[in-house]
Protein backbone atom coordinates (compact mmCIF):
# COMPACT_ATOMS: atom_id res chain seq x y z
CA MET A 1 19.53 -12.74 -12.80
CA LYS A 2 20.86 -9.50 -10.62
CA SER A 3 24.08 -10.97 -10.32
CA MET A 4 24.26 -11.70 -14.13
CA MET A 5 23.26 -8.09 -14.85
CA ARG A 6 25.82 -6.77 -12.50
CA LEU A 7 28.45 -8.81 -14.21
CA ILE A 8 27.43 -7.58 -17.77
CA LEU A 9 27.51 -4.20 -16.69
CA SER A 10 30.78 -4.38 -15.00
CA ALA A 11 33.72 -2.24 -16.38
CA ARG A 12 35.96 -5.25 -16.96
CA ILE A 13 33.55 -7.24 -19.02
CA ALA A 14 31.95 -4.15 -20.76
CA LYS A 15 35.63 -3.06 -22.03
CA SER A 16 36.38 -6.61 -23.11
CA ALA A 17 32.91 -6.86 -24.96
CA LEU A 18 33.50 -3.71 -26.65
CA ARG A 19 36.90 -4.76 -28.07
CA VAL A 20 35.13 -7.89 -29.55
CA ALA A 21 32.38 -5.91 -30.90
CA LEU A 22 34.54 -3.53 -32.55
CA VAL A 23 36.58 -6.21 -34.20
CA VAL A 24 33.60 -8.51 -35.29
CA GLY A 25 31.24 -5.67 -36.04
CA THR A 26 33.71 -4.25 -38.39
CA ALA A 27 34.20 -7.59 -40.14
CA LEU A 28 30.46 -8.08 -40.32
CA ASN A 29 30.08 -4.69 -41.92
CA LEU A 30 32.78 -5.07 -44.38
CA ILE A 31 31.19 -8.65 -45.31
CA ASN A 32 27.77 -7.26 -45.48
CA GLN A 33 28.14 -3.81 -46.61
CA GLY A 34 31.43 -3.64 -47.80
CA GLU A 35 30.90 -2.85 -51.41
CA HIS A 36 28.59 0.12 -50.55
CA ILE A 37 30.89 1.55 -48.12
CA LEU A 38 33.77 1.38 -50.17
CA ALA A 39 31.77 2.88 -53.38
CA GLY A 40 30.41 5.59 -51.07
CA ASN A 41 26.69 4.65 -51.55
CA ASN A 42 23.97 4.84 -49.06
CA ILE A 43 24.14 1.84 -46.48
CA SER A 44 21.68 0.53 -43.78
CA TRP A 45 22.58 2.31 -40.75
CA PHE A 46 20.33 0.00 -38.76
CA HIS A 47 22.31 -3.05 -39.94
CA LEU A 48 25.56 -1.13 -39.34
CA LEU A 49 24.68 -0.62 -35.67
CA LEU A 50 23.24 -4.07 -35.35
CA ASN A 51 26.67 -5.54 -36.51
CA TYR A 52 28.17 -4.00 -33.57
CA PHE A 53 25.55 -4.54 -31.14
CA VAL A 54 24.99 -8.37 -31.47
CA PRO A 55 28.64 -9.12 -31.01
CA TYR A 56 28.64 -6.80 -27.97
CA CYS A 57 25.64 -8.50 -26.43
CA VAL A 58 27.20 -12.08 -27.15
CA ALA A 59 30.45 -11.23 -25.75
CA SER A 60 29.43 -9.56 -22.56
CA TYR A 61 26.66 -12.56 -21.89
CA SER A 62 29.42 -15.18 -22.60
CA ALA A 63 31.82 -13.54 -20.20
CA ALA A 64 29.36 -12.96 -17.25
CA ARG A 65 28.00 -16.70 -17.75
CA ASN A 66 31.35 -17.86 -17.75
CA GLN A 67 32.34 -15.90 -14.55
CA LEU A 68 29.13 -17.21 -12.86
CA THR A 69 29.98 -20.75 -13.81
CA ARG A 70 33.48 -20.31 -12.24
CA SER A 71 32.06 -18.80 -9.08
CA GLU A 72 29.65 -21.65 -8.80
CA ASP A 73 32.38 -24.48 -9.07
CA GLU A 74 34.34 -22.79 -6.30
């Protein structure tokens, strides 16, 4: 578990996950709250942040798991 956390927090994986989160999170926010954002209405800030946080977690976990699996195969 320590090696998984070390990988998740590594600069390479964090940077890559951040890029994924920005693209996917923006798409999710436009889908879920787009009409409110464009109209200038109140939005749910919790959901806005969650739409970025979840893809970040998924991308970083997937990258770290992939790296661990590749290391085990060698």
